[in-house]
Amino acid sequence: MGPLASPEAPAIGQFGRHLLLAVSVAIGLLTLLSLYRAVIGPRSQDRLVAVNVINTKTVLMLALVAHTSGQFSFVDVALAYALTSFVTTVAVLKAVLKGRLF
């Protein structure tokens, strides 16, 4: 157990670790599809939704890392990332719709 690991970290076993690894790989592949939409998307709204999906999957991956490693400080990082992502999305959406940020 690492220096930051919680003593009450869940024991998920070998099968659980393999399952979380498979889920992580699947989320990574789906993120690549979202990245394709973010680059190729015909409209700016499509690109914005794709970037939101990527940000959501990043938060999910951080939560999986927190659960797998037992270092629940990653949850704090995931929450901060989610809040930053939300504020950025609102700012970009306002800039796209109104043509100006302020």
Foldseek 3Di string as FASTA:
>chain_A
DDPQADPPQDDQDDVSVVVLVVVLVVLVVVLVVLVVCLVPPPDPVSNLVSVVSNLVSVLVVLVSCCNVRRRVVSNVVSVVSNVVSVVVSVQVVCCVVVVDRD
